[in-house]
Each structure stands twice: as structure tokens, then as C-alpha cells.
N, C-alpha and C. Protein backbone atom coordinates (compact mmCIF):
# COMPACT_ATOMS: atom_id res chain seq x y z
N PHE A 1 125.96 9.70 19.82
CA PHE A 1 125.95 9.43 18.43
C PHE A 1 124.53 9.10 17.79
N GLY A 2 123.61 8.80 18.67
CA GLY A 2 122.25 8.53 18.31
C GLY A 2 122.05 7.11 17.76
N ILE A 3 122.87 6.19 18.14
CA ILE A 3 122.78 4.85 17.67
C ILE A 3 121.48 4.17 18.12
N GLU A 4 121.06 4.41 19.31
CA GLU A 4 119.77 3.83 19.81
C GLU A 4 118.61 4.42 19.01
N ALA A 5 118.62 5.74 18.73
CA ALA A 5 117.53 6.35 17.86
C ALA A 5 117.60 5.74 16.50
N GLN A 6 118.74 5.56 15.92
CA GLN A 6 118.80 4.97 14.60
C GLN A 6 118.19 3.51 14.62
N ARG A 7 118.55 2.80 15.62
CA ARG A 7 118.06 1.40 15.76
C ARG A 7 116.55 1.36 15.85
N ARG A 8 116.00 2.23 16.71
CA ARG A 8 114.50 2.29 16.84
C ARG A 8 113.82 2.68 15.52
N LEU A 9 114.41 3.67 14.93
CA LEU A 9 113.82 4.20 13.66
C LEU A 9 113.86 3.15 12.52
N ARG A 10 114.91 2.44 12.42
CA ARG A 10 115.06 1.43 11.32
C ARG A 10 114.06 0.31 11.58
N LEU A 11 113.90 -0.09 12.87
CA LEU A 11 112.94 -1.10 13.22
C LEU A 11 111.50 -0.73 12.91
N ASP A 12 111.18 0.56 13.18
CA ASP A 12 109.79 1.05 12.88
C ASP A 12 109.49 0.98 11.42
N LYS A 13 110.53 1.06 10.52
CA LYS A 13 110.34 0.98 9.14
C LYS A 13 110.76 -0.42 8.60
N GLN A 14 111.17 -1.30 9.52
CA GLN A 14 111.63 -2.65 9.12
C GLN A 14 112.77 -2.70 8.10
N HIS A 15 113.73 -1.82 8.37
CA HIS A 15 114.92 -1.75 7.57
C HIS A 15 115.95 -2.64 8.22
N LEU A 16 116.44 -3.66 7.50
CA LEU A 16 117.35 -4.60 8.13
C LEU A 16 118.81 -3.96 8.13
N LEU A 17 119.66 -4.51 9.01
CA LEU A 17 120.99 -4.10 9.13
C LEU A 17 121.84 -5.33 8.80
N ALA A 18 122.55 -5.22 7.69
CA ALA A 18 123.38 -6.34 7.20
C ALA A 18 124.39 -6.72 8.37
N GLY A 19 124.45 -8.00 8.58
CA GLY A 19 125.39 -8.45 9.64
C GLY A 19 124.65 -8.66 10.99
N GLN A 20 123.64 -7.82 11.23
CA GLN A 20 122.82 -7.97 12.41
C GLN A 20 121.63 -8.83 12.11
N ASP A 21 120.91 -8.58 11.03
CA ASP A 21 119.73 -9.29 10.64
C ASP A 21 119.93 -10.27 9.59
N THR A 22 121.18 -10.25 8.98
CA THR A 22 121.45 -11.26 7.94
C THR A 22 122.79 -11.87 8.38
N ASP A 23 123.13 -12.95 7.67
CA ASP A 23 124.41 -13.62 7.95
C ASP A 23 124.84 -14.26 6.55
N ALA A 24 125.85 -15.04 6.66
CA ALA A 24 126.50 -15.60 5.46
C ALA A 24 125.51 -16.56 4.77
N LEU A 25 124.53 -17.09 5.48
CA LEU A 25 123.62 -18.10 4.96
C LEU A 25 122.33 -17.47 4.36
N SER A 26 122.06 -16.22 4.66
CA SER A 26 120.86 -15.56 4.22
C SER A 26 121.07 -15.04 2.77
N ASN A 27 119.95 -14.80 2.06
CA ASN A 27 120.02 -14.23 0.76
C ASN A 27 118.94 -13.13 0.60
N PRO A 28 118.99 -12.26 -0.38
CA PRO A 28 118.01 -11.18 -0.50
C PRO A 28 116.59 -11.70 -0.70
N PHE A 29 116.37 -12.81 -1.28
CA PHE A 29 115.05 -13.33 -1.46
C PHE A 29 114.34 -13.71 -0.21
N ASP A 30 115.12 -14.34 0.64
CA ASP A 30 114.60 -14.75 1.97
C ASP A 30 114.49 -13.57 2.92
N ALA A 31 115.31 -12.57 2.74
CA ALA A 31 115.24 -11.37 3.60
C ALA A 31 114.23 -10.30 3.13
N GLY A 32 113.37 -10.69 2.08
CA GLY A 32 112.42 -9.77 1.63
C GLY A 32 112.86 -8.69 0.76
N LEU A 33 114.01 -8.85 0.11
CA LEU A 33 114.62 -7.82 -0.74
C LEU A 33 114.84 -8.26 -2.19
N PRO A 34 113.84 -8.93 -2.78
CA PRO A 34 114.05 -9.41 -4.15
C PRO A 34 114.24 -8.25 -5.16
N TRP A 35 113.74 -7.14 -4.84
CA TRP A 35 113.87 -5.91 -5.75
C TRP A 35 115.32 -5.45 -5.88
N ILE A 36 116.14 -5.88 -4.95
CA ILE A 36 117.53 -5.32 -4.93
C ILE A 36 118.42 -6.21 -5.89
N VAL A 37 117.94 -7.41 -6.32
CA VAL A 37 118.66 -8.23 -7.07
C VAL A 37 118.26 -8.04 -8.64
N LYS A 38 119.26 -7.75 -9.45
CA LYS A 38 119.08 -7.44 -10.89
C LYS A 38 119.75 -8.62 -11.59
N LEU A 39 119.06 -9.75 -11.81
CA LEU A 39 119.70 -10.88 -12.46
C LEU A 39 119.78 -10.69 -13.94
N ASP A 40 119.16 -9.64 -14.54
CA ASP A 40 119.21 -9.40 -15.97
C ASP A 40 120.52 -8.64 -16.33
N LYS A 41 121.32 -8.25 -15.36
CA LYS A 41 122.54 -7.57 -15.57
C LYS A 41 123.57 -8.58 -16.10
N PRO A 42 124.61 -8.21 -16.75
CA PRO A 42 125.68 -9.10 -17.18
C PRO A 42 126.36 -9.69 -15.92
N ASP A 43 127.16 -10.61 -16.14
CA ASP A 43 127.77 -11.39 -15.03
C ASP A 43 128.35 -10.48 -13.93
N PHE A 44 128.10 -10.86 -12.70
CA PHE A 44 128.65 -10.17 -11.49
C PHE A 44 128.95 -11.22 -10.49
N VAL A 45 129.79 -10.87 -9.49
CA VAL A 45 130.16 -11.80 -8.43
C VAL A 45 128.93 -12.17 -7.64
N GLY A 46 128.64 -13.42 -7.54
CA GLY A 46 127.53 -13.98 -6.73
C GLY A 46 126.25 -14.23 -7.61
N ARG A 47 126.28 -13.93 -8.93
CA ARG A 47 125.10 -14.05 -9.77
C ARG A 47 124.61 -15.48 -9.79
N SER A 48 125.47 -16.49 -9.98
CA SER A 48 124.94 -17.87 -10.12
C SER A 48 124.36 -18.28 -8.75
N ALA A 49 124.99 -17.87 -7.62
CA ALA A 49 124.44 -18.29 -6.34
C ALA A 49 123.05 -17.65 -6.14
N LEU A 50 122.93 -16.39 -6.61
CA LEU A 50 121.60 -15.74 -6.50
C LEU A 50 120.53 -16.33 -7.37
N GLN A 51 120.97 -16.81 -8.57
CA GLN A 51 120.01 -17.47 -9.45
C GLN A 51 119.52 -18.86 -8.80
N ARG A 52 120.46 -19.57 -8.13
CA ARG A 52 120.08 -20.77 -7.47
C ARG A 52 119.05 -20.44 -6.34
N ALA A 53 119.40 -19.42 -5.59
CA ALA A 53 118.60 -19.03 -4.41
C ALA A 53 117.19 -18.58 -4.89
N GLN A 54 117.14 -17.92 -6.01
CA GLN A 54 115.81 -17.51 -6.51
C GLN A 54 114.90 -18.67 -6.84
N GLY A 55 115.51 -19.74 -7.38
CA GLY A 55 114.75 -20.90 -7.79
C GLY A 55 114.39 -21.87 -6.64
N ARG A 56 115.04 -21.71 -5.47
CA ARG A 56 114.74 -22.57 -4.33
C ARG A 56 113.45 -22.18 -3.62
N GLU A 57 112.84 -23.24 -3.04
CA GLU A 57 111.65 -22.95 -2.22
C GLU A 57 112.17 -22.17 -0.97
N ARG A 58 111.33 -21.24 -0.56
CA ARG A 58 111.70 -20.39 0.63
C ARG A 58 111.75 -21.31 1.85
N GLY A 59 112.83 -21.15 2.57
CA GLY A 59 113.01 -21.91 3.84
C GLY A 59 112.52 -20.98 4.97
N GLN A 60 113.48 -20.14 5.41
CA GLN A 60 113.08 -19.13 6.40
C GLN A 60 113.01 -17.81 5.78
N GLN A 61 112.19 -16.93 6.38
CA GLN A 61 112.09 -15.54 5.89
C GLN A 61 112.29 -14.59 7.02
N LEU A 62 112.81 -13.42 6.66
CA LEU A 62 113.00 -12.37 7.64
C LEU A 62 111.71 -11.51 7.71
N VAL A 63 111.07 -11.44 8.80
CA VAL A 63 109.81 -10.74 8.96
C VAL A 63 109.86 -9.82 10.17
N GLY A 64 108.98 -8.83 10.16
CA GLY A 64 108.76 -8.01 11.33
C GLY A 64 107.78 -8.64 12.23
N PHE A 65 107.93 -8.40 13.54
CA PHE A 65 106.96 -8.88 14.53
C PHE A 65 106.72 -7.77 15.56
N ARG A 66 105.51 -7.89 16.12
CA ARG A 66 104.99 -6.96 17.11
C ARG A 66 104.69 -7.72 18.41
N LEU A 67 105.19 -7.21 19.43
CA LEU A 67 105.00 -7.91 20.82
C LEU A 67 104.42 -6.83 21.71
N GLU A 68 103.15 -7.02 22.13
CA GLU A 68 102.52 -6.01 23.05
C GLU A 68 103.27 -5.85 24.35
N GLY A 69 103.32 -4.62 24.82
CA GLY A 69 104.03 -4.32 26.03
C GLY A 69 105.43 -3.79 25.77
N ASP A 70 106.20 -3.64 26.84
CA ASP A 70 107.50 -3.04 26.71
C ASP A 70 108.68 -4.00 26.92
N ARG A 71 108.34 -5.26 27.07
CA ARG A 71 109.43 -6.27 27.27
C ARG A 71 110.12 -6.47 25.87
N VAL A 72 111.42 -6.56 25.94
CA VAL A 72 112.16 -6.59 24.69
C VAL A 72 113.03 -7.93 24.66
N PRO A 73 112.84 -8.82 23.68
CA PRO A 73 113.70 -9.97 23.64
C PRO A 73 115.09 -9.64 23.13
N GLU A 74 116.04 -10.26 23.74
CA GLU A 74 117.41 -10.04 23.29
C GLU A 74 117.69 -10.84 22.05
N GLU A 75 118.67 -10.34 21.31
CA GLU A 75 119.15 -11.12 20.15
C GLU A 75 120.15 -12.18 20.68
N PRO A 76 120.11 -13.35 20.26
CA PRO A 76 119.15 -14.05 19.35
C PRO A 76 118.16 -14.90 20.12
N SER A 77 117.10 -14.30 20.61
CA SER A 77 116.08 -15.06 21.29
C SER A 77 115.44 -16.10 20.34
N LEU A 78 115.04 -17.16 20.92
CA LEU A 78 114.45 -18.28 20.07
C LEU A 78 113.02 -17.95 19.65
N VAL A 79 112.71 -18.36 18.44
CA VAL A 79 111.36 -18.31 17.94
C VAL A 79 110.86 -19.75 17.84
N LEU A 80 109.72 -19.94 18.38
CA LEU A 80 109.13 -21.27 18.34
C LEU A 80 107.74 -21.20 17.62
N VAL A 81 107.50 -22.25 16.86
CA VAL A 81 106.25 -22.40 16.14
C VAL A 81 105.74 -23.77 16.49
N ASP A 82 104.56 -23.85 17.01
CA ASP A 82 103.90 -25.15 17.54
C ASP A 82 104.90 -25.85 18.48
N GLY A 83 105.61 -25.12 19.33
CA GLY A 83 106.50 -25.73 20.36
C GLY A 83 107.82 -26.14 19.75
N ARG A 84 108.11 -25.98 18.53
CA ARG A 84 109.38 -26.39 17.88
C ARG A 84 110.26 -25.12 17.66
N LEU A 85 111.50 -25.25 17.91
CA LEU A 85 112.48 -24.20 17.64
C LEU A 85 112.54 -24.04 16.09
N GLU A 86 112.14 -22.90 15.58
CA GLU A 86 112.09 -22.69 14.16
C GLU A 86 112.76 -21.39 13.68
N GLY A 87 113.24 -20.53 14.64
CA GLY A 87 113.86 -19.36 14.11
C GLY A 87 114.56 -18.57 15.28
N ARG A 88 114.87 -17.33 14.94
CA ARG A 88 115.50 -16.50 15.97
C ARG A 88 115.27 -15.05 15.73
N VAL A 89 115.21 -14.31 16.82
CA VAL A 89 115.09 -12.82 16.72
C VAL A 89 116.42 -12.22 16.45
N THR A 90 116.45 -11.24 15.52
CA THR A 90 117.72 -10.69 15.11
C THR A 90 117.84 -9.29 15.62
N SER A 91 116.74 -8.55 15.81
CA SER A 91 116.77 -7.18 16.34
C SER A 91 115.38 -6.92 16.96
N ALA A 92 115.39 -6.21 18.07
CA ALA A 92 114.10 -5.83 18.70
C ALA A 92 114.34 -4.62 19.56
N ARG A 93 113.35 -3.74 19.63
CA ARG A 93 113.39 -2.60 20.50
C ARG A 93 111.96 -2.22 20.82
N TYR A 94 111.74 -1.53 21.95
CA TYR A 94 110.43 -0.95 22.24
C TYR A 94 110.30 0.32 21.40
N SER A 95 109.18 0.46 20.71
CA SER A 95 108.90 1.58 19.85
C SER A 95 107.80 2.51 20.55
N PRO A 96 108.19 3.69 20.97
CA PRO A 96 107.26 4.56 21.53
C PRO A 96 106.18 5.00 20.53
N VAL A 97 106.61 5.10 19.26
CA VAL A 97 105.62 5.46 18.22
C VAL A 97 104.48 4.43 18.08
N VAL A 98 104.93 3.17 18.17
CA VAL A 98 103.94 2.10 17.99
C VAL A 98 103.29 1.71 19.33
N GLY A 99 103.96 1.97 20.37
CA GLY A 99 103.41 1.58 21.74
C GLY A 99 103.59 0.12 22.01
N ALA A 100 104.52 -0.50 21.41
CA ALA A 100 104.72 -1.92 21.63
C ALA A 100 106.21 -2.21 21.22
N THR A 101 106.64 -3.45 21.49
CA THR A 101 107.95 -3.95 21.09
C THR A 101 107.90 -4.36 19.62
N VAL A 102 108.78 -3.89 18.74
CA VAL A 102 108.81 -4.29 17.37
C VAL A 102 110.22 -4.92 17.13
N GLY A 103 110.30 -5.77 16.12
CA GLY A 103 111.57 -6.37 15.76
C GLY A 103 111.54 -7.12 14.53
N LEU A 104 112.65 -7.77 14.20
CA LEU A 104 112.79 -8.66 12.99
C LEU A 104 113.26 -9.95 13.55
N ALA A 105 112.73 -10.98 12.84
CA ALA A 105 113.02 -12.40 13.14
C ALA A 105 113.03 -13.26 11.96
N TRP A 106 113.80 -14.28 11.96
CA TRP A 106 113.78 -15.29 10.94
C TRP A 106 112.72 -16.37 11.35
N VAL A 107 111.80 -16.66 10.48
CA VAL A 107 110.77 -17.65 10.80
C VAL A 107 110.55 -18.50 9.58
N PRO A 108 109.98 -19.72 9.74
CA PRO A 108 109.73 -20.59 8.54
C PRO A 108 108.73 -19.88 7.57
N ALA A 109 108.86 -20.12 6.35
CA ALA A 109 108.04 -19.52 5.28
C ALA A 109 106.57 -19.59 5.54
N GLU A 110 106.08 -20.71 6.10
CA GLU A 110 104.67 -20.90 6.38
C GLU A 110 104.16 -20.00 7.52
N SER A 111 105.08 -19.51 8.28
CA SER A 111 104.73 -18.57 9.44
C SER A 111 104.96 -17.13 9.12
N ALA A 112 105.36 -16.86 7.89
CA ALA A 112 105.81 -15.48 7.45
C ALA A 112 104.65 -14.60 6.95
N GLU A 113 103.37 -15.01 7.10
CA GLU A 113 102.26 -14.18 6.58
C GLU A 113 101.77 -13.24 7.72
N ASN A 114 101.29 -12.10 7.23
CA ASN A 114 100.62 -11.11 8.13
C ASN A 114 99.70 -11.75 9.07
N GLY A 115 99.85 -11.39 10.29
CA GLY A 115 98.87 -11.84 11.34
C GLY A 115 99.15 -13.23 11.93
N GLN A 116 100.15 -13.98 11.42
CA GLN A 116 100.53 -15.23 11.95
C GLN A 116 101.10 -14.97 13.35
N GLN A 117 100.80 -15.95 14.32
CA GLN A 117 101.29 -15.80 15.63
C GLN A 117 102.54 -16.66 15.76
N ILE A 118 103.58 -16.06 16.39
CA ILE A 118 104.79 -16.85 16.67
C ILE A 118 105.02 -16.70 18.17
N THR A 119 105.84 -17.60 18.75
CA THR A 119 106.19 -17.60 20.14
C THR A 119 107.67 -17.26 20.27
N ILE A 120 107.99 -16.39 21.13
CA ILE A 120 109.39 -15.96 21.37
C ILE A 120 109.69 -16.31 22.80
N GLN A 121 110.90 -16.90 22.98
CA GLN A 121 111.39 -17.20 24.35
C GLN A 121 111.97 -15.85 24.94
N LEU A 122 111.46 -15.31 25.96
CA LEU A 122 111.87 -14.10 26.56
C LEU A 122 112.04 -14.25 28.08
N ASP A 123 113.30 -14.11 28.50
CA ASP A 123 113.64 -14.32 29.95
C ASP A 123 113.13 -15.62 30.51
N GLY A 124 113.23 -16.65 29.77
CA GLY A 124 112.83 -17.98 30.21
C GLY A 124 111.32 -18.28 30.07
N GLN A 125 110.62 -17.32 29.63
CA GLN A 125 109.12 -17.44 29.40
C GLN A 125 108.81 -17.45 27.94
N LEU A 126 107.64 -17.98 27.54
CA LEU A 126 107.19 -17.93 26.20
C LEU A 126 106.17 -16.86 26.11
N VAL A 127 106.41 -15.93 25.09
CA VAL A 127 105.41 -14.83 24.90
C VAL A 127 105.02 -14.89 23.43
N HIS A 128 103.83 -14.40 23.21
CA HIS A 128 103.25 -14.46 21.81
C HIS A 128 103.48 -13.10 21.09
N ALA A 129 103.84 -13.21 19.87
CA ALA A 129 104.02 -12.03 19.00
C ALA A 129 103.25 -12.27 17.65
N VAL A 130 103.03 -11.21 16.94
CA VAL A 130 102.27 -11.35 15.68
C VAL A 130 103.16 -10.85 14.55
N VAL A 131 103.25 -11.59 13.48
CA VAL A 131 104.03 -11.22 12.31
C VAL A 131 103.35 -10.03 11.61
N GLN A 132 104.14 -9.08 11.19
CA GLN A 132 103.68 -7.97 10.45
C GLN A 132 104.63 -7.73 9.29
N ARG A 133 104.13 -7.90 8.04
CA ARG A 133 105.05 -7.76 6.91
C ARG A 133 105.35 -6.25 6.54
N GLU A 134 104.39 -5.45 6.69
CA GLU A 134 104.59 -3.98 6.34
C GLU A 134 105.19 -3.25 7.53
N PRO A 135 105.86 -2.12 7.15
CA PRO A 135 106.50 -1.36 8.25
C PRO A 135 105.47 -0.98 9.33
N PHE A 136 105.91 -0.84 10.52
CA PHE A 136 105.10 -0.55 11.66
C PHE A 136 104.74 0.92 11.64
N TYR A 137 105.62 1.79 11.18
CA TYR A 137 105.38 3.24 11.11
C TYR A 137 105.26 3.63 9.62
N ASP A 138 104.15 4.36 9.33
CA ASP A 138 103.96 4.93 7.94
C ASP A 138 104.12 3.87 6.93
N PRO A 139 103.32 2.80 6.93
CA PRO A 139 103.56 1.67 5.99
C PRO A 139 103.39 2.09 4.52
N GLU A 140 102.60 3.02 4.19
CA GLU A 140 102.54 3.51 2.81
C GLU A 140 103.59 4.47 2.35
N GLY A 141 104.33 4.98 3.31
CA GLY A 141 105.28 5.98 2.99
C GLY A 141 104.68 7.38 2.78
N ALA A 142 103.47 7.57 3.16
CA ALA A 142 102.79 8.87 2.95
C ALA A 142 103.52 10.07 3.60
N ARG A 143 104.05 9.79 4.80
CA ARG A 143 104.66 10.94 5.49
C ARG A 143 106.02 11.26 4.82
N LEU A 144 106.79 10.24 4.37
CA LEU A 144 108.00 10.47 3.65
C LEU A 144 107.72 11.28 2.33
N LYS A 145 106.67 10.81 1.59
CA LYS A 145 106.38 11.44 0.35
C LYS A 145 105.95 12.86 0.57
N SER A 146 105.16 13.12 1.62
CA SER A 146 104.73 14.51 1.91
C SER A 146 105.87 15.45 2.16
N LEU A 147 106.94 14.92 2.89
CA LEU A 147 108.09 15.74 3.23
C LEU A 147 108.92 16.04 1.93
N ALA A 148 108.90 15.05 1.04
CA ALA A 148 109.70 15.23 -0.18
C ALA A 148 109.17 16.34 -1.06
N THR A 149 107.84 16.51 -1.04
CA THR A 149 107.23 17.52 -1.92
C THR A 149 106.79 18.80 -1.11
N ALA A 150 107.16 18.83 0.15
CA ALA A 150 106.69 19.98 0.97
C ALA A 150 107.47 21.23 0.75
N GLY A 151 108.69 21.20 0.30
CA GLY A 151 109.50 22.36 0.19
C GLY A 151 108.83 23.67 -0.12
N PRO A 152 108.51 23.92 -1.36
CA PRO A 152 107.98 25.23 -1.70
C PRO A 152 106.54 25.37 -1.32
N HIS A 153 105.83 24.34 -0.85
CA HIS A 153 104.39 24.45 -0.63
C HIS A 153 104.04 24.62 0.90
N ARG A 154 105.05 24.58 1.72
CA ARG A 154 104.81 24.78 3.18
C ARG A 154 104.80 26.19 3.53
N ASP A 155 103.82 26.55 4.44
CA ASP A 155 103.69 27.96 4.84
C ASP A 155 104.76 28.45 5.82
N ASP A 156 105.41 27.48 6.46
CA ASP A 156 106.47 27.81 7.50
C ASP A 156 107.88 27.94 6.87
N LEU A 157 107.96 28.03 5.59
CA LEU A 157 109.31 28.08 4.98
C LEU A 157 109.47 29.42 4.30
N THR A 158 110.67 29.87 4.24
CA THR A 158 111.04 31.13 3.58
C THR A 158 112.10 30.79 2.50
N GLN A 159 112.01 31.29 1.36
CA GLN A 159 112.93 31.07 0.25
C GLN A 159 114.05 32.14 0.31
N ILE A 160 115.32 31.61 0.19
CA ILE A 160 116.46 32.55 0.20
C ILE A 160 117.21 32.27 -1.12
N ASN A 161 117.54 33.35 -1.85
CA ASN A 161 118.32 33.21 -3.12
C ASN A 161 119.38 34.22 -3.18
N SER A 162 120.47 33.82 -3.80
CA SER A 162 121.54 34.77 -4.06
C SER A 162 121.10 35.70 -5.27
N ASP A 163 120.15 35.30 -6.12
CA ASP A 163 119.73 36.04 -7.24
C ASP A 163 118.50 36.88 -6.97
N GLY A 164 118.12 36.98 -5.73
CA GLY A 164 116.85 37.69 -5.36
C GLY A 164 115.72 36.69 -5.23
N PRO A 165 114.55 37.18 -4.89
CA PRO A 165 113.43 36.33 -4.61
C PRO A 165 112.93 35.60 -5.95
N ARG A 166 112.50 34.41 -5.74
CA ARG A 166 111.91 33.63 -6.93
C ARG A 166 110.46 33.19 -6.42
N PRO A 167 109.65 32.99 -7.34
CA PRO A 167 108.25 32.59 -7.01
C PRO A 167 108.24 31.17 -6.32
N THR A 168 107.26 31.12 -5.36
CA THR A 168 107.07 29.88 -4.62
C THR A 168 106.96 28.65 -5.69
N GLY A 169 107.66 27.60 -5.34
CA GLY A 169 107.66 26.43 -6.19
C GLY A 169 108.63 26.50 -7.36
N CYS A 170 109.63 27.38 -7.31
CA CYS A 170 110.52 27.48 -8.45
C CYS A 170 111.41 26.21 -8.59
N LEU A 171 111.94 26.13 -9.74
CA LEU A 171 112.77 24.99 -10.04
C LEU A 171 114.20 25.45 -10.32
N ALA A 172 114.57 26.61 -9.75
CA ALA A 172 115.90 27.21 -10.00
C ALA A 172 116.96 26.33 -9.36
N SER A 173 118.08 26.25 -9.96
CA SER A 173 119.15 25.41 -9.49
C SER A 173 119.80 25.98 -8.13
N ARG A 174 119.64 27.26 -7.89
CA ARG A 174 120.20 27.93 -6.69
C ARG A 174 119.18 28.24 -5.63
N CYS A 175 118.06 27.55 -5.66
CA CYS A 175 116.95 27.86 -4.78
C CYS A 175 117.19 27.19 -3.41
N ARG A 176 117.20 27.97 -2.31
CA ARG A 176 117.44 27.48 -0.95
C ARG A 176 116.32 27.85 -0.02
N TRP A 177 116.23 27.06 0.97
CA TRP A 177 115.09 27.27 1.97
C TRP A 177 115.56 27.22 3.42
N ARG A 178 114.89 28.03 4.24
CA ARG A 178 115.05 27.93 5.69
C ARG A 178 113.70 28.15 6.34
N SER A 179 113.56 27.58 7.50
CA SER A 179 112.24 27.76 8.21
C SER A 179 112.17 29.16 8.77
N ARG A 180 110.99 29.66 8.99
CA ARG A 180 110.79 31.01 9.48
C ARG A 180 111.43 31.10 10.82
N ALA A 181 111.70 30.05 11.54
CA ALA A 181 112.36 30.09 12.84
C ALA A 181 113.91 30.15 12.58
N GLY A 182 114.35 30.08 11.41
CA GLY A 182 115.76 30.22 11.06
C GLY A 182 116.54 28.95 10.93
N ARG A 183 115.90 27.81 11.08
CA ARG A 183 116.58 26.48 10.93
C ARG A 183 116.83 26.27 9.47
N TRP A 184 118.11 25.99 9.06
CA TRP A 184 118.50 25.73 7.68
C TRP A 184 117.91 24.45 7.16
N LEU A 185 117.25 24.41 6.06
CA LEU A 185 116.72 23.25 5.50
C LEU A 185 117.38 22.80 4.22
N GLY A 186 118.28 23.64 3.68
CA GLY A 186 119.08 23.21 2.53
C GLY A 186 118.31 23.43 1.22
N ASP A 187 118.85 22.76 0.28
CA ASP A 187 118.29 22.95 -1.14
C ASP A 187 117.10 21.99 -1.32
N LEU A 188 115.92 22.49 -1.29
CA LEU A 188 114.72 21.64 -1.43
C LEU A 188 114.20 21.60 -2.85
N CYS A 189 114.54 22.59 -3.65
CA CYS A 189 114.06 22.57 -5.01
C CYS A 189 114.97 21.73 -5.89
N GLN A 190 114.43 21.22 -6.96
CA GLN A 190 115.26 20.37 -7.89
C GLN A 190 115.77 21.35 -9.00
N PRO A 191 116.93 21.04 -9.53
CA PRO A 191 117.48 21.80 -10.63
C PRO A 191 116.51 21.79 -11.84
N SER A 192 116.41 22.84 -12.63
CA SER A 192 115.53 22.94 -13.63
C SER A 192 115.99 22.23 -14.91
N GLY A 193 117.19 21.99 -15.08
CA GLY A 193 117.66 21.41 -16.29
C GLY A 193 118.58 20.29 -16.10
């Protein structure tokens, strides 16, 4: 099913998995998702609780961490700050793209800044990891953006139409693309109207 691949890819981009990286006590503000909450909308279930959470001082925050090497802490490995138990690892995997172990962990707000060092208990030993707030892979999203606009501009694509050929870069609603090798890429053009 590709579950392991999905897990690695989501961690490379620091995408959380509800229930795995969050629980009943976490909220979108502490999980680094304030953009997902629209408190200006009319009343909705959970609105008052989210308003209270927004006004509170941050306790723990969900952050990415990078651990050099290929040792992977199991969930819920302990996170220590200055020798004190302060958090837990929620997800971790070795990332071949990054060349290190990457993961997500709940840490105190004062340890949630880029470059902060945290200690993780791993197989009875204490190992050091570094907090990283931006995604480990393609942090600016440049690769994703280039793929979204690549359709009609890529040399290795051929346009197929039921209405006959259209100029490269068309905005026709029935514009379809396949690679020169024959792999179907679907509808990459946007409808014109």
C-alpha cells in the first residue's frame, strides 16, 4: 500500500498526522497550524475553545527535529531539555533524501526555535537532535510549484486532444497530456472559463 513511503514523505515535509502527532489535548496553534483556524467565521463547534487556546501562552509546540545518522527513536520516545522530561517524539523515520533521521516532537515553547538542541532518549541512551521549523525537503516549495506550472512548458510532454492539436500552453477545458514515453499525466491545463 505504500504506507512507509507516505510516512517518510510526510515527515520530509513536516506534515502531521492527526491522532499520531496530535491528541485530545493539542490544538492547532500549538501544532503550528494557526492558518487552519478561521475564528472570524460565524459560530462553529469548538470555536470558544479555540478562542481560549489562541489567547493562552504557548506551552508545548509540535516541531520538526533532525537527528544525524540512521538510528530512529520509537514513538513515544522521551524528549529531555536540560535533563528534564519535557516532551515526546510522535513520529520519526530515516529520510534517504535528507540523509538523517527526521521526525516530529512536542517540546516546550522555549525550545521550539530553529537550531535549538534537544535530547531524545533512544534505546536507553541520550542522543542530541536539532529543532528545524521548516520542512526538511524543499522548504520553499519550489519543486512543488515548478511541477504545478510544468504542464505545457515541459519538453518531454505531448499534448493530446479530442478536438485536434492545440498550441502549447493552451487553456482549453479538454486539454490532456501524456509523457513522450506514454505515461498518462492527466489534465494539466486549467479550464479557460
